[in-house]
Amino acid sequence: MDADIELSNWDPMTTEQKLSELLQHLNGVKVLSFTEGKVSLEYDPLLILKTDIHDALIRSGFQIKDMQTGPASPVADALHSEE
């Protein structure tokens, strides 16, 4: 599954690093990209639920403005086949 998570408390100096540290410890989550105010990631719903990702972000002090999920994109699938 792919997820785009928009945060309302994005700090350009610290958020990307804090998110990376948090998300790398969540089993089944792979960060695809960061953009101003948003993180795009892929997760395996057999290993982690969307609600688990949401709750981990909230517990870490992030304010979620929007969270959209959907099937993994062909681009994400292609990235896995290149690894």
Protein backbone atom coordinates (compact mmCIF):
# COMPACT_ATOMS: atom_id res chain seq x y z
CA MET A 1 0.00 0.00 0.00
CA ASP A 2 1.07 3.58 -0.61
CA ALA A 3 0.36 6.43 1.80
CA ASP A 4 0.70 10.19 1.45
CA ILE A 5 0.70 11.91 4.83
CA GLU A 6 0.40 15.67 5.09
CA LEU A 7 1.54 17.23 8.35
CA SER A 8 0.44 20.62 9.64
CA ASN A 9 3.46 21.14 11.91
CA TRP A 10 6.24 20.66 9.33
CA ASP A 11 9.52 22.28 10.37
CA PRO A 12 11.97 22.39 7.44
CA MET A 13 14.94 22.12 9.81
CA THR A 14 13.93 19.03 11.80
CA THR A 15 10.86 17.21 10.52
CA GLU A 16 12.46 15.08 7.81
CA GLN A 17 15.10 13.74 10.20
CA LYS A 18 12.56 13.05 12.97
CA LEU A 19 10.22 11.30 10.53
CA SER A 20 13.05 9.19 9.11
CA GLU A 21 14.08 8.05 12.58
CA LEU A 22 10.50 7.21 13.54
CA LEU A 23 9.48 5.47 10.32
CA GLN A 24 12.64 3.34 10.01
CA HIS A 25 11.66 1.63 13.28
CA LEU A 26 8.19 0.68 12.04
CA ASN A 27 8.30 -2.83 10.60
CA GLY A 28 6.88 -2.92 7.08
CA VAL A 29 7.29 0.80 6.28
CA LYS A 30 9.54 2.22 3.56
CA VAL A 31 9.83 5.98 2.98
CA LEU A 32 9.63 6.91 -0.69
CA SER A 33 10.00 10.70 -0.52
CA PHE A 34 9.70 13.88 1.49
CA THR A 35 8.30 17.14 0.19
CA GLU A 36 7.47 20.31 2.09
CA GLY A 37 4.70 19.28 4.45
CA LYS A 38 4.29 15.72 3.18
CA VAL A 39 5.87 12.28 3.41
CA SER A 40 5.12 9.55 0.89
CA LEU A 41 5.68 6.00 1.97
CA GLU A 42 4.90 2.42 1.17
CA TYR A 43 3.80 -0.06 3.79
CA ASP A 44 2.96 -3.73 3.95
CA PRO A 45 -0.53 -4.12 5.46
CA LEU A 46 0.37 -7.66 6.53
CA LEU A 47 3.09 -6.23 8.81
CA ILE A 48 1.60 -2.90 9.93
CA LEU A 49 -1.79 -1.23 9.80
CA LYS A 50 -2.54 2.30 8.63
CA THR A 51 -3.82 3.06 12.14
CA ASP A 52 -0.49 1.92 13.63
CA ILE A 53 1.39 4.40 11.42
CA HIS A 54 -1.10 7.15 12.30
CA ASP A 55 -0.84 6.44 16.03
CA ALA A 56 2.98 6.36 15.95
CA LEU A 57 3.05 9.77 14.27
CA ILE A 58 0.61 11.28 16.78
CA ARG A 59 2.52 9.82 19.76
CA SER A 60 5.70 11.41 18.37
CA GLY A 61 4.10 14.86 18.29
CA PHE A 62 3.21 15.13 14.62
CA GLN A 63 -0.10 16.73 13.65
CA ILE A 64 -1.66 14.92 10.70
CA LYS A 65 -3.55 17.22 8.36
CA ASP A 66 -4.44 14.51 5.83
CA MET A 67 -3.59 10.86 5.23
CA GLN A 68 -4.43 9.20 1.92
CA THR A 69 -3.77 5.53 1.19
CA GLY A 70 -4.15 3.37 -1.87
CA PRO A 71 -2.69 0.39 -3.70
CA ALA A 72 1.04 0.51 -4.35
CA SER A 73 1.88 2.45 -7.49
CA PRO A 74 3.73 0.92 -10.45
CA VAL A 75 6.63 3.29 -9.68
CA ALA A 76 6.97 1.91 -6.13
CA ASP A 77 6.77 -1.64 -7.46
CA ALA A 78 9.50 -0.85 -10.00
CA LEU A 79 11.75 0.51 -7.24
CA HIS A 80 11.46 -2.80 -5.40
CA SER A 81 12.36 -4.82 -8.46
CA GLU A 82 15.56 -2.76 -8.90
CA GLU A 83 16.82 -3.44 -5.33
